[in-house]
C-alpha cells in the first residue's frame, strides 16, 4: 500500500469511529484524490474549524467551486453540522473526511462519477 492508501484507511477509520458512519470507499478515494497534494501537507491536510477564514475557504473553494452550489446560509450551516459530527474537540479534522461528509450531505456524489 502506498502513502495515499494509508491516508484513505485513516480517513475511513475516522468516518467509522469518530463520525459514526460506514464510508463508501470508492467515493472516499475519489474525494481524497480530489484534495490533491494537500493531503500530504500536515497543515493543509486538516481543516482548522475554529478559524472563520478557513471555513470560508471550504465554502468557496469546495462547496461553491467543486460542488457547484450557490452561496447561501445553508452552506455554512452544513459545514457547522459536519464539524459537529466530526467532534468540535477533535484536534485533527481531516480535509478529505470533511469534504466527503459535505459531498454526502448535499447528495453530490455524482460529481466524483
PDB file of N, CA and C in Angstrom:
ATOM      1  N   UNK A   1       0.829  -1.189   0.000  1.00  0.00           N
ATOM      2  CA  UNK A   1       0.000   0.000   0.000  1.00  0.00           C
ATOM      3  C   UNK A   1       0.873   1.251   0.000  1.00  0.00           C
ATOM      4  N   UNK A   2       0.453   2.243  -0.745  1.00  0.00           N
ATOM      5  CA  UNK A   2       1.176   3.495  -0.801  1.00  0.00           C
ATOM      6  C   UNK A   2       0.713   4.446   0.285  1.00  0.00           C
ATOM      7  N   UNK A   3       1.348   5.581   0.325  1.00  0.00           N
ATOM      8  CA  UNK A   3       1.021   6.581   1.343  1.00  0.00           C
ATOM      9  C   UNK A   3      -0.440   7.039   1.226  1.00  0.00           C
ATOM     10  N   UNK A   4      -0.901   7.243  -0.018  1.00  0.00           N
ATOM     11  CA  UNK A   4      -2.296   7.669  -0.190  1.00  0.00           C
ATOM     12  C   UNK A   4      -3.246   6.604   0.343  1.00  0.00           C
ATOM     13  N   UNK A   5      -2.972   5.336   0.070  1.00  0.00           N
ATOM     14  CA  UNK A   5      -3.821   4.251   0.577  1.00  0.00           C
ATOM     15  C   UNK A   5      -3.857   4.246   2.098  1.00  0.00           C
ATOM     16  N   UNK A   6      -2.709   4.515   2.721  1.00  0.00           N
ATOM     17  CA  UNK A   6      -2.643   4.583   4.188  1.00  0.00           C
ATOM     18  C   UNK A   6      -3.522   5.712   4.708  1.00  0.00           C
ATOM     19  N   UNK A   7      -3.466   6.860   4.016  1.00  0.00           N
ATOM     20  CA  UNK A   7      -4.284   8.004   4.430  1.00  0.00           C
ATOM     21  C   UNK A   7      -5.767   7.712   4.255  1.00  0.00           C
ATOM     22  N   UNK A   8      -6.136   7.078   3.146  1.00  0.00           N
ATOM     23  CA  UNK A   8      -7.538   6.731   2.905  1.00  0.00           C
ATOM     24  C   UNK A   8      -8.038   5.794   4.011  1.00  0.00           C
ATOM     25  N   UNK A   9      -7.209   4.847   4.418  1.00  0.00           N
ATOM     26  CA  UNK A   9      -7.575   3.936   5.509  1.00  0.00           C
ATOM     27  C   UNK A   9      -7.776   4.712   6.812  1.00  0.00           C
ATOM     28  N   UNK A  10      -6.913   5.704   7.057  1.00  0.00           N
ATOM     29  CA  UNK A  10      -7.039   6.537   8.258  1.00  0.00           C
ATOM     30  C   UNK A  10      -8.332   7.356   8.206  1.00  0.00           C
ATOM     31  N   UNK A  11      -8.644   7.896   7.038  1.00  0.00           N
ATOM     32  CA  UNK A  11      -9.874   8.680   6.884  1.00  0.00           C
ATOM     33  C   UNK A  11     -11.104   7.800   7.094  1.00  0.00           C
ATOM     34  N   UNK A  12     -11.068   6.588   6.557  1.00  0.00           N
ATOM     35  CA  UNK A  12     -12.187   5.654   6.718  1.00  0.00           C
ATOM     36  C   UNK A  12     -12.388   5.317   8.194  1.00  0.00           C
ATOM     37  N   UNK A  13     -11.282   5.162   8.909  1.00  0.00           N
ATOM     38  CA  UNK A  13     -11.355   4.875  10.345  1.00  0.00           C
ATOM     39  C   UNK A  13     -12.002   6.042  11.091  1.00  0.00           C
ATOM     40  N   UNK A  14     -11.638   7.279  10.723  1.00  0.00           N
ATOM     41  CA  UNK A  14     -12.259   8.453  11.342  1.00  0.00           C
ATOM     42  C   UNK A  14     -13.763   8.481  11.056  1.00  0.00           C
ATOM     43  N   UNK A  15     -14.145   8.193   9.815  1.00  0.00           N
ATOM     44  CA  UNK A  15     -15.567   8.181   9.482  1.00  0.00           C
ATOM     45  C   UNK A  15     -16.322   7.150  10.311  1.00  0.00           C
ATOM     46  N   UNK A  16     -15.728   5.979  10.497  1.00  0.00           N
ATOM     47  CA  UNK A  16     -16.374   4.925  11.284  1.00  0.00           C
ATOM     48  C   UNK A  16     -16.412   5.268  12.773  1.00  0.00           C
ATOM     49  N   UNK A  17     -15.253   5.586  13.328  1.00  0.00           N
ATOM     50  CA  UNK A  17     -15.114   5.711  14.780  1.00  0.00           C
ATOM     51  C   UNK A  17     -15.477   7.078  15.340  1.00  0.00           C
ATOM     52  N   UNK A  18     -15.224   8.132  14.603  1.00  0.00           N
ATOM     53  CA  UNK A  18     -15.477   9.476  15.123  1.00  0.00           C
ATOM     54  C   UNK A  18     -16.778  10.073  14.590  1.00  0.00           C
ATOM     55  N   UNK A  19     -17.171   9.651  13.401  1.00  0.00           N
ATOM     56  CA  UNK A  19     -18.355  10.240  12.767  1.00  0.00           C
ATOM     57  C   UNK A  19     -19.545   9.285  12.749  1.00  0.00           C
ATOM     58  N   UNK A  20     -19.305   8.037  13.109  1.00  0.00           N
ATOM     59  CA  UNK A  20     -20.390   7.069  13.199  1.00  0.00           C
ATOM     60  C   UNK A  20     -21.037   6.710  11.879  1.00  0.00           C
ATOM     61  N   UNK A  21     -20.236   6.677  10.797  1.00  0.00           N
ATOM     62  CA  UNK A  21     -20.807   6.307   9.501  1.00  0.00           C
ATOM     63  C   UNK A  21     -19.906   5.314   8.777  1.00  0.00           C
ATOM     64  N   UNK A  22     -20.538   4.466   7.994  1.00  0.00           N
ATOM     65  CA  UNK A  22     -19.811   3.500   7.190  1.00  0.00           C
ATOM     66  C   UNK A  22     -19.447   4.167   5.871  1.00  0.00           C
ATOM     67  N   UNK A  23     -18.147   4.353   5.595  1.00  0.00           N
ATOM     68  CA  UNK A  23     -17.762   5.081   4.374  1.00  0.00           C
ATOM     69  C   UNK A  23     -17.958   4.280   3.090  1.00  0.00           C
ATOM     70  N   UNK A  24     -18.327   4.998   2.051  1.00  0.00           N
ATOM     71  CA  UNK A  24     -18.326   4.476   0.690  1.00  0.00           C
ATOM     72  C   UNK A  24     -16.871   4.624   0.235  1.00  0.00           C
ATOM     73  N   UNK A  25     -16.135   3.526   0.217  1.00  0.00           N
ATOM     74  CA  UNK A  25     -14.689   3.591  -0.012  1.00  0.00           C
ATOM     75  C   UNK A  25     -14.336   4.150  -1.390  1.00  0.00           C
ATOM     76  N   UNK A  26     -15.149   3.862  -2.389  1.00  0.00           N
ATOM     77  CA  UNK A  26     -14.895   4.388  -3.727  1.00  0.00           C
ATOM     78  C   UNK A  26     -15.005   5.911  -3.730  1.00  0.00           C
ATOM     79  N   UNK A  27     -16.063   6.422  -3.111  1.00  0.00           N
ATOM     80  CA  UNK A  27     -16.240   7.868  -3.038  1.00  0.00           C
ATOM     81  C   UNK A  27     -15.140   8.506  -2.191  1.00  0.00           C
ATOM     82  N   UNK A  28     -14.809   7.888  -1.061  1.00  0.00           N
ATOM     83  CA  UNK A  28     -13.760   8.427  -0.194  1.00  0.00           C
ATOM     84  C   UNK A  28     -12.432   8.522  -0.942  1.00  0.00           C
ATOM     85  N   UNK A  29     -12.128   7.499  -1.738  1.00  0.00           N
ATOM     86  CA  UNK A  29     -10.892   7.521  -2.519  1.00  0.00           C
ATOM     87  C   UNK A  29     -10.915   8.670  -3.534  1.00  0.00           C
ATOM     88  N   UNK A  30     -12.041   8.855  -4.197  1.00  0.00           N
ATOM     89  CA  UNK A  30     -12.144   9.921  -5.204  1.00  0.00           C
ATOM     90  C   UNK A  30     -12.061  11.303  -4.571  1.00  0.00           C
ATOM     91  N   UNK A  31     -12.700  11.489  -3.411  1.00  0.00           N
ATOM     92  CA  UNK A  31     -12.635  12.771  -2.704  1.00  0.00           C
ATOM     93  C   UNK A  31     -11.191  13.035  -2.262  1.00  0.00           C
ATOM     94  N   UNK A  32     -10.529  11.996  -1.765  1.00  0.00           N
ATOM     95  CA  UNK A  32      -9.142  12.136  -1.317  1.00  0.00           C
ATOM     96  C   UNK A  32      -8.236  12.525  -2.482  1.00  0.00           C
ATOM     97  N   UNK A  33      -8.391  11.862  -3.617  1.00  0.00           N
ATOM     98  CA  UNK A  33      -7.602  12.200  -4.807  1.00  0.00           C
ATOM     99  C   UNK A  33      -7.899  13.643  -5.226  1.00  0.00           C
ATOM    100  N   UNK A  34      -9.155  14.043  -5.109  1.00  0.00           N
ATOM    101  CA  UNK A  34      -9.553  15.399  -5.458  1.00  0.00           C
ATOM    102  C   UNK A  34      -8.907  16.468  -4.589  1.00  0.00           C
ATOM    103  N   UNK A  35      -8.495  16.094  -3.396  1.00  0.00           N
ATOM    104  CA  UNK A  35      -7.813  17.048  -2.497  1.00  0.00           C
ATOM    105  C   UNK A  35      -6.396  17.346  -2.982  1.00  0.00           C
ATOM    106  N   UNK A  36      -5.892  16.504  -3.866  1.00  0.00           N
ATOM    107  CA  UNK A  36      -4.559  16.729  -4.426  1.00  0.00           C
ATOM    108  C   UNK A  36      -3.459  16.584  -3.397  1.00  0.00           C
ATOM    109  N   UNK A  37      -2.362  17.300  -3.617  1.00  0.00           N
ATOM    110  CA  UNK A  37      -1.204  17.157  -2.734  1.00  0.00           C
ATOM    111  C   UNK A  37      -1.433  17.692  -1.318  1.00  0.00           C
ATOM    112  N   UNK A  38      -2.546  18.382  -1.090  1.00  0.00           N
ATOM    113  CA  UNK A  38      -2.828  18.923   0.249  1.00  0.00           C
ATOM    114  C   UNK A  38      -2.849  17.825   1.314  1.00  0.00           C
ATOM    115  N   UNK A  39      -3.234  16.612   0.930  1.00  0.00           N
ATOM    116  CA  UNK A  39      -3.335  15.537   1.927  1.00  0.00           C
ATOM    117  C   UNK A  39      -1.981  15.144   2.513  1.00  0.00           C
ATOM    118  N   UNK A  40      -0.900  15.510   1.821  1.00  0.00           N
ATOM    119  CA  UNK A  40       0.441  15.156   2.290  1.00  0.00           C
ATOM    120  C   UNK A  40       1.080  16.259   3.130  1.00  0.00           C
ATOM    121  N   UNK A  41       0.442  17.418   3.203  1.00  0.00           N
ATOM    122  CA  UNK A  41       0.960  18.545   3.970  1.00  0.00           C
ATOM    123  C   UNK A  41       0.221  18.595   5.302  1.00  0.00           C
ATOM    124  N   UNK A  42       0.951  18.523   6.396  1.00  0.00           N
ATOM    125  CA  UNK A  42       0.334  18.436   7.722  1.00  0.00           C
ATOM    126  C   UNK A  42      -0.670  19.560   7.981  1.00  0.00           C
ATOM    127  N   UNK A  43      -0.350  20.777   7.566  1.00  0.00           N
ATOM    128  CA  UNK A  43      -1.250  21.900   7.811  1.00  0.00           C
ATOM    129  C   UNK A  43      -2.448  21.871   6.869  1.00  0.00           C
ATOM    130  N   UNK A  44      -2.208  21.659   5.598  1.00  0.00           N
ATOM    131  CA  UNK A  44      -3.284  21.684   4.597  1.00  0.00           C
ATOM    132  C   UNK A  44      -4.193  20.455   4.678  1.00  0.00           C
ATOM    133  N   UNK A  45      -3.703  19.372   5.254  1.00  0.00           N
ATOM    134  CA  UNK A  45      -4.473  18.124   5.311  1.00  0.00           C
ATOM    135  C   UNK A  45      -5.646  18.207   6.282  1.00  0.00           C
ATOM    136  N   UNK A  46      -5.615  19.209   7.164  1.00  0.00           N
ATOM    137  CA  UNK A  46      -6.682  19.337   8.153  1.00  0.00           C
ATOM    138  C   UNK A  46      -7.423  20.654   7.963  1.00  0.00           C
ATOM    139  N   UNK A  47      -8.640  20.689   8.494  1.00  0.00           N
ATOM    140  CA  UNK A  47      -9.464  21.896   8.458  1.00  0.00           C
ATOM    141  C   UNK A  47      -9.414  22.514   9.852  1.00  0.00           C
ATOM    142  N   UNK A  48      -9.003  23.767   9.915  1.00  0.00           N
ATOM    143  CA  UNK A  48      -8.970  24.497  11.189  1.00  0.00           C
ATOM    144  C   UNK A  48     -10.375  25.039  11.447  1.00  0.00           C
ATOM    145  N   UNK A  49     -11.170  24.248  12.144  1.00  0.00           N
ATOM    146  CA  UNK A  49     -12.593  24.550  12.316  1.00  0.00           C
ATOM    147  C   UNK A  49     -12.858  25.780  13.171  1.00  0.00           C
ATOM    148  N   UNK A  50     -11.870  26.238  13.915  1.00  0.00           N
ATOM    149  CA  UNK A  50     -12.072  27.410  14.769  1.00  0.00           C
ATOM    150  C   UNK A  50     -11.727  28.710  14.057  1.00  0.00           C
ATOM    151  N   UNK A  51     -11.221  28.611  12.835  1.00  0.00           N
ATOM    152  CA  UNK A  51     -10.829  29.808  12.084  1.00  0.00           C
ATOM    153  C   UNK A  51     -11.880  30.121  11.020  1.00  0.00           C
ATOM    154  N   UNK A  52     -12.613  31.233  11.199  1.00  0.00           N
ATOM    155  CA  UNK A  52     -13.660  31.588  10.229  1.00  0.00           C
ATOM    156  C   UNK A  52     -13.136  31.688   8.793  1.00  0.00           C
ATOM    157  N   UNK A  53     -11.918  32.154   8.607  1.00  0.00           N
ATOM    158  CA  UNK A  53     -11.346  32.263   7.263  1.00  0.00           C
ATOM    159  C   UNK A  53     -11.187  30.905   6.596  1.00  0.00           C
ATOM    160  N   UNK A  54     -10.815  29.922   7.386  1.00  0.00           N
ATOM    161  CA  UNK A  54     -10.657  28.557   6.870  1.00  0.00           C
ATOM    162  C   UNK A  54     -12.010  27.993   6.436  1.00  0.00           C
ATOM    163  N   UNK A  55     -13.033  28.222   7.240  1.00  0.00           N
ATOM    164  CA  UNK A  55     -14.370  27.722   6.909  1.00  0.00           C
ATOM    165  C   UNK A  55     -14.924  28.421   5.670  1.00  0.00           C
ATOM    166  N   UNK A  56     -14.592  29.689   5.526  1.00  0.00           N
ATOM    167  CA  UNK A  56     -14.996  30.446   4.330  1.00  0.00           C
ATOM    168  C   UNK A  56     -14.319  29.857   3.085  1.00  0.00           C
ATOM    169  N   UNK A  57     -13.057  29.455   3.237  1.00  0.00           N
ATOM    170  CA  UNK A  57     -12.322  28.832   2.137  1.00  0.00           C
ATOM    171  C   UNK A  57     -12.968  27.501   1.744  1.00  0.00           C
ATOM    172  N   UNK A  58     -13.355  26.710   2.728  1.00  0.00           N
ATOM    173  CA  UNK A  58     -14.043  25.438   2.451  1.00  0.00           C
ATOM    174  C   UNK A  58     -15.330  25.732   1.676  1.00  0.00           C
ATOM    175  N   UNK A  59     -16.048  26.744   2.126  1.00  0.00           N
ATOM    176  CA  UNK A  59     -17.305  27.100   1.465  1.00  0.00           C
ATOM    177  C   UNK A  59     -17.073  27.512   0.015  1.00  0.00           C
ATOM    178  N   UNK A  60     -16.146  28.441  -0.190  1.00  0.00           N
ATOM    179  CA  UNK A  60     -15.932  28.984  -1.539  1.00  0.00           C
ATOM    180  C   UNK A  60     -15.250  27.979  -2.466  1.00  0.00           C
ATOM    181  N   UNK A  61     -14.144  27.397  -2.007  1.00  0.00           N
ATOM    182  CA  UNK A  61     -13.349  26.542  -2.894  1.00  0.00           C
ATOM    183  C   UNK A  61     -13.920  25.142  -3.073  1.00  0.00           C
ATOM    184  N   UNK A  62     -14.591  24.632  -2.060  1.00  0.00           N
ATOM    185  CA  UNK A  62     -15.124  23.275  -2.205  1.00  0.00           C
ATOM    186  C   UNK A  62     -16.615  23.276  -2.537  1.00  0.00           C
ATOM    187  N   UNK A  63     -17.412  23.868  -1.660  1.00  0.00           N
ATOM    188  CA  UNK A  63     -18.861  23.793  -1.873  1.00  0.00           C
ATOM    189  C   UNK A  63     -19.311  24.542  -3.126  1.00  0.00           C
ATOM    190  N   UNK A  64     -18.773  25.738  -3.324  1.00  0.00           N
ATOM    191  CA  UNK A  64     -19.232  26.536  -4.459  1.00  0.00           C
ATOM    192  C   UNK A  64     -18.510  26.174  -5.758  1.00  0.00           C
ATOM    193  N   UNK A  65     -17.176  26.090  -5.719  1.00  0.00           N
ATOM    194  CA  UNK A  65     -16.425  25.787  -6.951  1.00  0.00           C
ATOM    195  C   UNK A  65     -16.521  24.319  -7.333  1.00  0.00           C
ATOM    196  N   UNK A  66     -16.173  23.425  -6.414  1.00  0.00           N
ATOM    197  CA  UNK A  66     -16.120  21.998  -6.752  1.00  0.00           C
ATOM    198  C   UNK A  66     -17.514  21.384  -6.887  1.00  0.00           C
ATOM    199  N   UNK A  67     -18.369  21.637  -5.878  1.00  0.00           N
ATOM    200  CA  UNK A  67     -19.690  21.011  -5.904  1.00  0.00           C
ATOM    201  C   UNK A  67     -20.719  21.838  -6.679  1.00  0.00           C
ATOM    202  N   UNK A  68     -20.379  23.083  -7.009  1.00  0.00           N
ATOM    203  CA  UNK A  68     -21.260  23.914  -7.820  1.00  0.00           C
ATOM    204  C   UNK A  68     -22.491  24.427  -7.100  1.00  0.00           C
ATOM    205  N   UNK A  69     -22.398  24.573  -5.787  1.00  0.00           N
ATOM    206  CA  UNK A  69     -23.541  25.046  -5.012  1.00  0.00           C
ATOM    207  C   UNK A  69     -23.591  26.570  -5.007  1.00  0.00           C
ATOM    208  N   UNK A  70     -24.784  27.115  -4.887  1.00  0.00           N
ATOM    209  CA  UNK A  70     -24.963  28.569  -4.805  1.00  0.00           C
ATOM    210  C   UNK A  70     -24.768  29.007  -3.361  1.00  0.00           C
ATOM    211  N   UNK A  71     -24.201  30.202  -3.201  1.00  0.00           N
ATOM    212  CA  UNK A  71     -23.952  30.733  -1.869  1.00  0.00           C
ATOM    213  C   UNK A  71     -25.266  30.951  -1.135  1.00  0.00           C
ATOM    214  N   UNK A  72     -25.240  30.655   0.138  1.00  0.00           N
ATOM    215  CA  UNK A  72     -26.408  30.856   0.987  1.00  0.00           C
ATOM    216  C   UNK A  72     -26.085  30.384   2.384  1.00  0.00           C
ATOM    217  N   UNK A  73     -26.916  30.722   3.353  1.00  0.00           N
ATOM    218  CA  UNK A  73     -26.639  30.348   4.749  1.00  0.00           C
ATOM    219  C   UNK A  73     -26.575  28.836   4.966  1.00  0.00           C
ATOM    220  N   UNK A  74     -27.237  28.067   4.087  1.00  0.00           N
ATOM    221  CA  UNK A  74     -27.232  26.605   4.264  1.00  0.00           C
ATOM    222  C   UNK A  74     -25.835  26.011   4.070  1.00  0.00           C
ATOM    223  N   UNK A  75     -24.959  26.696   3.349  1.00  0.00           N
ATOM    224  CA  UNK A  75     -23.599  26.171   3.155  1.00  0.00           C
ATOM    225  C   UNK A  75     -22.830  26.186   4.468  1.00  0.00           C
ATOM    226  N   UNK A  76     -22.851  27.311   5.169  1.00  0.00           N
ATOM    227  CA  UNK A  76     -22.132  27.391   6.442  1.00  0.00           C
ATOM    228  C   UNK A  76     -22.813  26.520   7.493  1.00  0.00           C
ATOM    229  N   UNK A  77     -24.135  26.398   7.418  1.00  0.00           N
ATOM    230  CA  UNK A  77     -24.850  25.512   8.339  1.00  0.00           C
ATOM    231  C   UNK A  77     -24.413  24.066   8.131  1.00  0.00           C
ATOM    232  N   UNK A  78     -24.217  23.670   6.882  1.00  0.00           N
ATOM    233  CA  UNK A  78     -23.760  22.301   6.583  1.00  0.00           C
ATOM    234  C   UNK A  78     -22.339  22.078   7.101  1.00  0.00           C
ATOM    235  N   UNK A  79     -21.476  23.070   6.909  1.00  0.00           N
ATOM    236  CA  UNK A  79     -20.095  22.957   7.423  1.00  0.00           C
ATOM    237  C   UNK A  79     -20.137  22.795   8.933  1.00  0.00           C
ATOM    238  N   UNK A  80     -20.951  23.625   9.618  1.00  0.00           N
ATOM    239  CA  UNK A  80     -21.073  23.528  11.080  1.00  0.00           C
ATOM    240  C   UNK A  80     -21.588  22.149  11.493  1.00  0.00           C
ATOM    241  N   UNK A  81     -22.568  21.633  10.763  1.00  0.00           N
ATOM    242  CA  UNK A  81     -23.132  20.315  11.083  1.00  0.00           C
ATOM    243  C   UNK A  81     -22.067  19.222  10.953  1.00  0.00           C
ATOM    244  N   UNK A  82     -21.264  19.303   9.888  1.00  0.00           N
ATOM    245  CA  UNK A  82     -20.202  18.315   9.670  1.00  0.00           C
ATOM    246  C   UNK A  82     -19.152  18.412  10.780  1.00  0.00           C
ATOM    247  N   UNK A  83     -18.795  19.622  11.173  1.00  0.00           N
ATOM    248  CA  UNK A  83     -17.826  19.819  12.253  1.00  0.00           C
ATOM    249  C   UNK A  83     -18.384  19.244  13.558  1.00  0.00           C
ATOM    250  N   UNK A  84     -19.689  19.440  13.802  1.00  0.00           N
ATOM    251  CA  UNK A  84     -20.323  18.868  14.996  1.00  0.00           C
ATOM    252  C   UNK A  84     -20.246  17.343  14.971  1.00  0.00           C
ATOM    253  N   UNK A  85     -20.540  16.740  13.812  1.00  0.00           N
ATOM    254  CA  UNK A  85     -20.493  15.280  13.691  1.00  0.00           C
ATOM    255  C   UNK A  85     -19.072  14.775  13.933  1.00  0.00           C
ATOM    256  N   UNK A  86     -18.102  15.459  13.348  1.00  0.00           N
ATOM    257  CA  UNK A  86     -16.687  15.059  13.499  1.00  0.00           C
ATOM    258  C   UNK A  86     -16.259  15.213  14.953  1.00  0.00           C
ATOM    259  N   UNK A  87     -16.800  16.219  15.617  1.00  0.00           N
ATOM    260  CA  UNK A  87     -16.466  16.498  17.011  1.00  0.00           C
ATOM    261  C   UNK A  87     -15.652  17.770  17.107  1.00  0.00           C
ATOM    262  N   UNK A  88     -16.245  18.799  17.678  1.00  0.00           N
ATOM    263  CA  UNK A  88     -15.549  20.088  17.774  1.00  0.00           C
ATOM    264  C   UNK A  88     -14.251  19.964  18.549  1.00  0.00           C
ATOM    265  N   UNK A  89     -14.213  19.053  19.510  1.00  0.00           N
ATOM    266  CA  UNK A  89     -12.994  18.898  20.323  1.00  0.00           C
ATOM    267  C   UNK A  89     -11.938  18.046  19.619  1.00  0.00           C
ATOM    268  N   UNK A  90     -12.311  17.418  18.507  1.00  0.00           N
ATOM    269  CA  UNK A  90     -11.356  16.596  17.743  1.00  0.00           C
ATOM    270  C   UNK A  90     -10.309  17.508  17.126  1.00  0.00           C
ATOM    271  N   UNK A  91      -9.057  17.305  17.498  1.00  0.00           N
ATOM    272  CA  UNK A  91      -7.999  18.216  17.055  1.00  0.00           C
ATOM    273  C   UNK A  91      -7.770  18.155  15.549  1.00  0.00           C
ATOM    274  N   UNK A  92      -7.624  16.948  15.020  1.00  0.00           N
ATOM    275  CA  UNK A  92      -7.345  16.783  13.593  1.00  0.00           C
ATOM    276  C   UNK A  92      -8.613  16.420  12.832  1.00  0.00           C
ATOM    277  N   UNK A  93      -9.148  17.412  12.154  1.00  0.00           N
ATOM    278  CA  UNK A  93     -10.305  17.174  11.286  1.00  0.00           C
ATOM    279  C   UNK A  93      -9.762  17.133   9.862  1.00  0.00           C
ATOM    280  N   UNK A  94      -9.621  15.931   9.336  1.00  0.00           N
ATOM    281  CA  UNK A  94      -9.004  15.769   8.028  1.00  0.00           C
ATOM    282  C   UNK A  94      -9.888  16.342   6.922  1.00  0.00           C
ATOM    283  N   UNK A  95      -9.258  17.109   6.055  1.00  0.00           N
ATOM    284  CA  UNK A  95      -9.944  17.782   4.959  1.00  0.00           C
ATOM    285  C   UNK A  95     -10.736  16.781   4.107  1.00  0.00           C
ATOM    286  N   UNK A  96     -10.126  15.653   3.768  1.00  0.00           N
ATOM    287  CA  UNK A  96     -10.803  14.659   2.932  1.00  0.00           C
ATOM    288  C   UNK A  96     -12.068  14.133   3.611  1.00  0.00           C
ATOM    289  N   UNK A  97     -12.031  13.973   4.934  1.00  0.00           N
ATOM    290  CA  UNK A  97     -13.204  13.486   5.675  1.00  0.00           C
ATOM    291  C   UNK A  97     -14.300  14.553   5.676  1.00  0.00           C
ATOM    292  N   UNK A  98     -13.917  15.803   5.927  1.00  0.00           N
ATOM    293  CA  UNK A  98     -14.885  16.905   5.921  1.00  0.00           C
ATOM    294  C   UNK A  98     -15.507  17.031   4.531  1.00  0.00           C
ATOM    295  N   UNK A  99     -14.679  16.986   3.486  1.00  0.00           N
ATOM    296  CA  UNK A  99     -15.193  17.101   2.116  1.00  0.00           C
ATOM    297  C   UNK A  99     -16.099  15.915   1.771  1.00  0.00           C
ATOM    298  N   UNK A 100     -15.723  14.732   2.210  1.00  0.00           N
ATOM    299  CA  UNK A 100     -16.544  13.535   1.978  1.00  0.00           C
ATOM    300  C   UNK A 100     -17.932  13.732   2.596  1.00  0.00           C
ATOM    301  N   UNK A 101     -17.955  14.164   3.867  1.00  0.00           N
ATOM    302  CA  UNK A 101     -19.239  14.330   4.554  1.00  0.00           C
ATOM    303  C   UNK A 101     -20.074  15.439   3.909  1.00  0.00           C
ATOM    304  N   UNK A 102     -19.436  16.505   3.452  1.00  0.00           N
ATOM    305  CA  UNK A 102     -20.167  17.576   2.766  1.00  0.00           C
ATOM    306  C   UNK A 102     -20.724  17.089   1.428  1.00  0.00           C
ATOM    307  N   UNK A 103     -19.951  16.283   0.730  1.00  0.00           N
ATOM    308  CA  UNK A 103     -20.414  15.713  -0.545  1.00  0.00           C
ATOM    309  C   UNK A 103     -21.663  14.867  -0.303  1.00  0.00           C
ATOM    310  N   UNK A 104     -21.618  14.031   0.731  1.00  0.00           N
ATOM    311  CA  UNK A 104     -22.769  13.183   1.060  1.00  0.00           C
ATOM    312  C   UNK A 104     -23.954  14.044   1.519  1.00  0.00           C
ATOM    313  N   UNK A 105     -23.681  15.056   2.339  1.00  0.00           N
ATOM    314  CA  UNK A 105     -24.727  15.925   2.871  1.00  0.00           C
ATOM    315  C   UNK A 105     -25.549  16.561   1.753  1.00  0.00           C
ATOM    316  N   UNK A 106     -24.869  17.030   0.727  1.00  0.00           N
ATOM    317  CA  UNK A 106     -25.548  17.707  -0.370  1.00  0.00           C
ATOM    318  C   UNK A 106     -25.944  16.765  -1.508  1.00  0.00           C
ATOM    319  N   UNK A 107     -25.678  15.454  -1.353  1.00  0.00           N
ATOM    320  CA  UNK A 107     -26.053  14.493  -2.391  1.00  0.00           C
ATOM    321  C   UNK A 107     -25.338  14.734  -3.711  1.00  0.00           C
ATOM    322  N   UNK A 108     -24.078  15.131  -3.637  1.00  0.00           N
ATOM    323  CA  UNK A 108     -23.307  15.476  -4.833  1.00  0.00           C
ATOM    324  C   UNK A 108     -22.280  14.402  -5.215  1.00  0.00           C
ATOM    325  N   UNK A 109     -22.549  13.170  -4.837  1.00  0.00           N
ATOM    326  CA  UNK A 109     -21.628  12.079  -5.136  1.00  0.00           C
ATOM    327  C   UNK A 109     -21.354  11.960  -6.639  1.00  0.00           C
ATOM    328  N   UNK A 110     -22.341  12.300  -7.459  1.00  0.00           N
ATOM    329  CA  UNK A 110     -22.193  12.167  -8.912  1.00  0.00           C
ATOM    330  C   UNK A 110     -21.051  13.019  -9.464  1.00  0.00           C
ATOM    331  N   UNK A 111     -20.663  14.051  -8.757  1.00  0.00           N
ATOM    332  CA  UNK A 111     -19.559  14.914  -9.221  1.00  0.00           C
ATOM    333  C   UNK A 111     -18.257  14.117  -9.295  1.00  0.00           C
ATOM    334  N   UNK A 112     -18.157  13.114  -8.442  1.00  0.00           N
ATOM    335  CA  UNK A 112     -16.959  12.272  -8.433  1.00  0.00           C
ATOM    336  C   UNK A 112     -17.126  11.046  -9.330  1.00  0.00           C
ATOM    337  N   UNK A 113     -18.261  10.972 -10.028  1.00  0.00           N
ATOM    338  CA  UNK A 113     -18.573   9.964 -11.039  1.00  0.00           C
ATOM    339  C   UNK A 113     -17.988   8.648 -10.771  1.00  0.00           C
TER     340      UNK A 113
END
